[in-house]
Amino acid sequence: MRIRRLADTLIQRARDLSPHIVLAIGFAAFLLWAYPGYMSTDSVVQLQEARAVKFSDGNPPSMALIWAFLDRIVSGPLLMLLLQGVVFLGGLYALLQRFLSQRAAAWTAVGTTGLALDTGVVEIQAIAHV
């Protein structure tokens, strides 16, 4: 009986959270899950291009240019991970708001992001140990 009451209380509190709080909690969970990231060969080349400010057609030059800027602020993967996470979660939330209430859009965006990351449908990568 006590567990049921506790579960009901937690569900009600979750329902009462503002959409921005839901998104912040979801983003924090994303960071805990994704940090430090995955380093593919392609990612290494792209970061090397960004650091040398020499771009090839093997990777999108705009991405390397953004990474060059971010890497000068904080060297390594953290800012790229933050940028990609904010753009993905924020963009999904903005899109879902067209069809759902703000609260429902926030919960759906957070849930979809977690599901997509967990199943490997979406791969948000950051370079670790470079």
C-alpha atoms as a PDB file:
ATOM      1  CA  MET A   1       0.000   0.000   0.000  1.00  0.00           C
ATOM      2  CA  ARG A   2       2.813   2.415   0.861  1.00  0.00           C
ATOM      3  CA  ILE A   3       4.581   1.659  -2.419  1.00  0.00           C
ATOM      4  CA  ARG A   4       1.415   2.362  -4.381  1.00  0.00           C
ATOM      5  CA  ARG A   5       0.959   5.691  -2.601  1.00  0.00           C
ATOM      6  CA  LEU A   6       4.588   6.601  -3.236  1.00  0.00           C
ATOM      7  CA  ALA A   7       4.242   5.694  -6.917  1.00  0.00           C
ATOM      8  CA  ASP A   8       1.090   7.808  -7.231  1.00  0.00           C
ATOM      9  CA  THR A   9       2.830  10.753  -5.573  1.00  0.00           C
ATOM     10  CA  LEU A  10       5.841  10.481  -7.882  1.00  0.00           C
ATOM     11  CA  ILE A  11       3.631  10.246 -10.963  1.00  0.00           C
ATOM     12  CA  GLN A  12       1.662  13.302  -9.892  1.00  0.00           C
ATOM     13  CA  ARG A  13       4.839  15.294  -9.261  1.00  0.00           C
ATOM     14  CA  ALA A  14       6.179  14.282 -12.674  1.00  0.00           C
ATOM     15  CA  ARG A  15       2.932  15.464 -14.283  1.00  0.00           C
ATOM     16  CA  ASP A  16       3.240  18.818 -12.514  1.00  0.00           C
ATOM     17  CA  LEU A  17       6.766  19.545 -13.773  1.00  0.00           C
ATOM     18  CA  SER A  18       7.083  22.426 -16.207  1.00  0.00           C
ATOM     19  CA  PRO A  19       8.182  21.523 -19.751  1.00  0.00           C
ATOM     20  CA  HIS A  20      11.510  23.291 -19.257  1.00  0.00           C
ATOM     21  CA  ILE A  21      12.258  21.272 -16.129  1.00  0.00           C
ATOM     22  CA  VAL A  22      11.378  18.070 -17.987  1.00  0.00           C
ATOM     23  CA  LEU A  23      13.765  19.052 -20.805  1.00  0.00           C
ATOM     24  CA  ALA A  24      16.527  19.963 -18.335  1.00  0.00           C
ATOM     25  CA  ILE A  25      16.200  16.621 -16.536  1.00  0.00           C
ATOM     26  CA  GLY A  26      16.154  14.808 -19.876  1.00  0.00           C
ATOM     27  CA  PHE A  27      19.237  16.688 -21.057  1.00  0.00           C
ATOM     28  CA  ALA A  28      21.070  15.879 -17.829  1.00  0.00           C
ATOM     29  CA  ALA A  29      20.194  12.205 -18.289  1.00  0.00           C
ATOM     30  CA  PHE A  30      21.448  12.414 -21.876  1.00  0.00           C
ATOM     31  CA  LEU A  31      24.781  13.816 -20.677  1.00  0.00           C
ATOM     32  CA  LEU A  32      25.129  11.080 -18.079  1.00  0.00           C
ATOM     33  CA  TRP A  33      24.424   8.474 -20.748  1.00  0.00           C
ATOM     34  CA  ALA A  34      26.483   9.936 -23.606  1.00  0.00           C
ATOM     35  CA  TYR A  35      29.606  11.311 -21.927  1.00  0.00           C
ATOM     36  CA  PRO A  36      32.435  10.973 -22.922  1.00  0.00           C
ATOM     37  CA  GLY A  37      31.130   9.693 -26.257  1.00  0.00           C
ATOM     38  CA  TYR A  38      32.302   7.410 -28.987  1.00  0.00           C
ATOM     39  CA  MET A  39      35.354   7.960 -31.131  1.00  0.00           C
ATOM     40  CA  SER A  40      35.241   6.648 -34.668  1.00  0.00           C
ATOM     41  CA  THR A  41      38.018   6.966 -37.225  1.00  0.00           C
ATOM     42  CA  ASP A  42      35.933   9.531 -39.062  1.00  0.00           C
ATOM     43  CA  SER A  43      35.547  11.572 -35.878  1.00  0.00           C
ATOM     44  CA  VAL A  44      39.306  11.624 -35.340  1.00  0.00           C
ATOM     45  CA  VAL A  45      39.886  12.896 -38.872  1.00  0.00           C
ATOM     46  CA  GLN A  46      37.241  15.559 -38.476  1.00  0.00           C
ATOM     47  CA  LEU A  47      38.720  16.833 -35.222  1.00  0.00           C
ATOM     48  CA  GLN A  48      42.204  16.843 -36.753  1.00  0.00           C
ATOM     49  CA  GLU A  49      40.875  18.918 -39.656  1.00  0.00           C
ATOM     50  CA  ALA A  50      39.163  21.271 -37.221  1.00  0.00           C
ATOM     51  CA  ARG A  51      42.334  21.747 -35.173  1.00  0.00           C
ATOM     52  CA  ALA A  52      44.475  22.292 -38.287  1.00  0.00           C
ATOM     53  CA  VAL A  53      41.756  24.428 -39.929  1.00  0.00           C
ATOM     54  CA  LYS A  54      42.342  22.421 -43.116  1.00  0.00           C
ATOM     55  CA  PHE A  55      39.174  20.973 -44.544  1.00  0.00           C
ATOM     56  CA  SER A  56      38.691  18.148 -47.031  1.00  0.00           C
ATOM     57  CA  ASP A  57      35.663  16.743 -48.756  1.00  0.00           C
ATOM     58  CA  GLY A  58      35.754  13.645 -46.545  1.00  0.00           C
ATOM     59  CA  ASN A  59      33.757  15.406 -43.823  1.00  0.00           C
ATOM     60  CA  PRO A  60      31.330  18.343 -43.842  1.00  0.00           C
ATOM     61  CA  PRO A  61      33.523  21.486 -43.696  1.00  0.00           C
ATOM     62  CA  SER A  62      30.815  23.380 -41.800  1.00  0.00           C
ATOM     63  CA  MET A  63      30.906  20.790 -39.006  1.00  0.00           C
ATOM     64  CA  ALA A  64      34.699  20.961 -38.810  1.00  0.00           C
ATOM     65  CA  LEU A  65      34.508  24.772 -38.734  1.00  0.00           C
ATOM     66  CA  ILE A  66      32.040  24.673 -35.838  1.00  0.00           C
ATOM     67  CA  TRP A  67      34.264  22.162 -34.073  1.00  0.00           C
ATOM     68  CA  ALA A  68      37.332  24.360 -34.651  1.00  0.00           C
ATOM     69  CA  PHE A  69      35.539  27.219 -32.909  1.00  0.00           C
ATOM     70  CA  LEU A  70      34.292  25.072 -30.014  1.00  0.00           C
ATOM     71  CA  ASP A  71      37.655  23.341 -29.566  1.00  0.00           C
ATOM     72  CA  ARG A  72      39.338  26.700 -29.036  1.00  0.00           C
ATOM     73  CA  ILE A  73      36.947  27.469 -26.173  1.00  0.00           C
ATOM     74  CA  VAL A  74      37.206  24.062 -24.472  1.00  0.00           C
ATOM     75  CA  SER A  75      39.532  21.527 -26.005  1.00  0.00           C
ATOM     76  CA  GLY A  76      37.969  18.136 -26.578  1.00  0.00           C
ATOM     77  CA  PRO A  77      34.519  16.701 -27.061  1.00  0.00           C
ATOM     78  CA  LEU A  78      32.446  18.367 -24.349  1.00  0.00           C
ATOM     79  CA  LEU A  79      31.134  21.418 -26.215  1.00  0.00           C
ATOM     80  CA  MET A  80      30.347  19.418 -29.358  1.00  0.00           C
ATOM     81  CA  LEU A  81      28.434  16.909 -27.252  1.00  0.00           C
ATOM     82  CA  LEU A  82      26.522  19.744 -25.571  1.00  0.00           C
ATOM     83  CA  LEU A  83      25.775  21.440 -28.893  1.00  0.00           C
ATOM     84  CA  GLN A  84      24.545  18.281 -30.582  1.00  0.00           C
ATOM     85  CA  GLY A  85      22.447  17.306 -27.572  1.00  0.00           C
ATOM     86  CA  VAL A  86      20.819  20.740 -27.305  1.00  0.00           C
ATOM     87  CA  VAL A  87      20.114  20.903 -31.033  1.00  0.00           C
ATOM     88  CA  PHE A  88      18.664  17.384 -31.145  1.00  0.00           C
ATOM     89  CA  LEU A  89      16.499  17.609 -28.026  1.00  0.00           C
ATOM     90  CA  GLY A  90      15.513  21.231 -28.642  1.00  0.00           C
ATOM     91  CA  GLY A  91      14.681  20.628 -32.287  1.00  0.00           C
ATOM     92  CA  LEU A  92      12.620  17.566 -31.490  1.00  0.00           C
ATOM     93  CA  TYR A  93      10.755  19.495 -28.771  1.00  0.00           C
ATOM     94  CA  ALA A  94      10.084  22.408 -31.152  1.00  0.00           C
ATOM     95  CA  LEU A  95       8.772  20.039 -33.808  1.00  0.00           C
ATOM     96  CA  LEU A  96       6.560  18.132 -31.370  1.00  0.00           C
ATOM     97  CA  GLN A  97       5.070  21.374 -30.012  1.00  0.00           C
ATOM     98  CA  ARG A  98       3.326  21.797 -33.348  1.00  0.00           C
ATOM     99  CA  PHE A  99       1.248  18.690 -32.619  1.00  0.00           C
ATOM    100  CA  LEU A 100       1.210  18.320 -28.823  1.00  0.00           C
ATOM    101  CA  SER A 101       0.897  20.505 -25.747  1.00  0.00           C
ATOM    102  CA  GLN A 102       4.178  21.879 -24.374  1.00  0.00           C
ATOM    103  CA  ARG A 103       4.228  19.401 -21.503  1.00  0.00           C
ATOM    104  CA  ALA A 104       3.429  16.421 -23.741  1.00  0.00           C
ATOM    105  CA  ALA A 105       6.002  17.602 -26.292  1.00  0.00           C
ATOM    106  CA  ALA A 106       8.673  17.820 -23.581  1.00  0.00           C
ATOM    107  CA  TRP A 107       7.967  14.338 -22.215  1.00  0.00           C
ATOM    108  CA  THR A 108       7.779  12.862 -25.716  1.00  0.00           C
ATOM    109  CA  ALA A 109      11.029  14.548 -26.789  1.00  0.00           C
ATOM    110  CA  VAL A 110      12.856  13.275 -23.712  1.00  0.00           C
ATOM    111  CA  GLY A 111      11.426   9.774 -24.088  1.00  0.00           C
ATOM    112  CA  THR A 112      12.155   9.647 -27.817  1.00  0.00           C
ATOM    113  CA  THR A 113      15.698  10.880 -27.304  1.00  0.00           C
ATOM    114  CA  GLY A 114      16.333   8.218 -24.681  1.00  0.00           C
ATOM    115  CA  LEU A 115      14.799   5.500 -26.830  1.00  0.00           C
ATOM    116  CA  ALA A 116      16.665   6.583 -29.961  1.00  0.00           C
ATOM    117  CA  LEU A 117      20.002   6.761 -28.157  1.00  0.00           C
ATOM    118  CA  ASP A 118      19.492   3.461 -26.381  1.00  0.00           C
ATOM    119  CA  THR A 119      18.606   1.581 -29.550  1.00  0.00           C
ATOM    120  CA  GLY A 120      21.309   3.214 -31.659  1.00  0.00           C
ATOM    121  CA  VAL A 121      18.799   4.763 -34.068  1.00  0.00           C
ATOM    122  CA  VAL A 122      20.399   8.140 -33.454  1.00  0.00           C
ATOM    123  CA  GLU A 123      24.059   8.360 -32.773  1.00  0.00           C
ATOM    124  CA  ILE A 124      25.241  11.556 -31.163  1.00  0.00           C
ATOM    125  CA  GLN A 125      28.974  11.269 -30.937  1.00  0.00           C
ATOM    126  CA  ALA A 126      31.704  13.139 -29.210  1.00  0.00           C
ATOM    127  CA  ILE A 127      35.385  12.403 -29.377  1.00  0.00           C
ATOM    128  CA  ALA A 128      36.968  11.050 -26.238  1.00  0.00           C
ATOM    129  CA  HIS A 129      40.616  10.944 -25.306  1.00  0.00           C
ATOM    130  CA  VAL A 130      41.894  13.075 -28.183  1.00  0.00           C
END
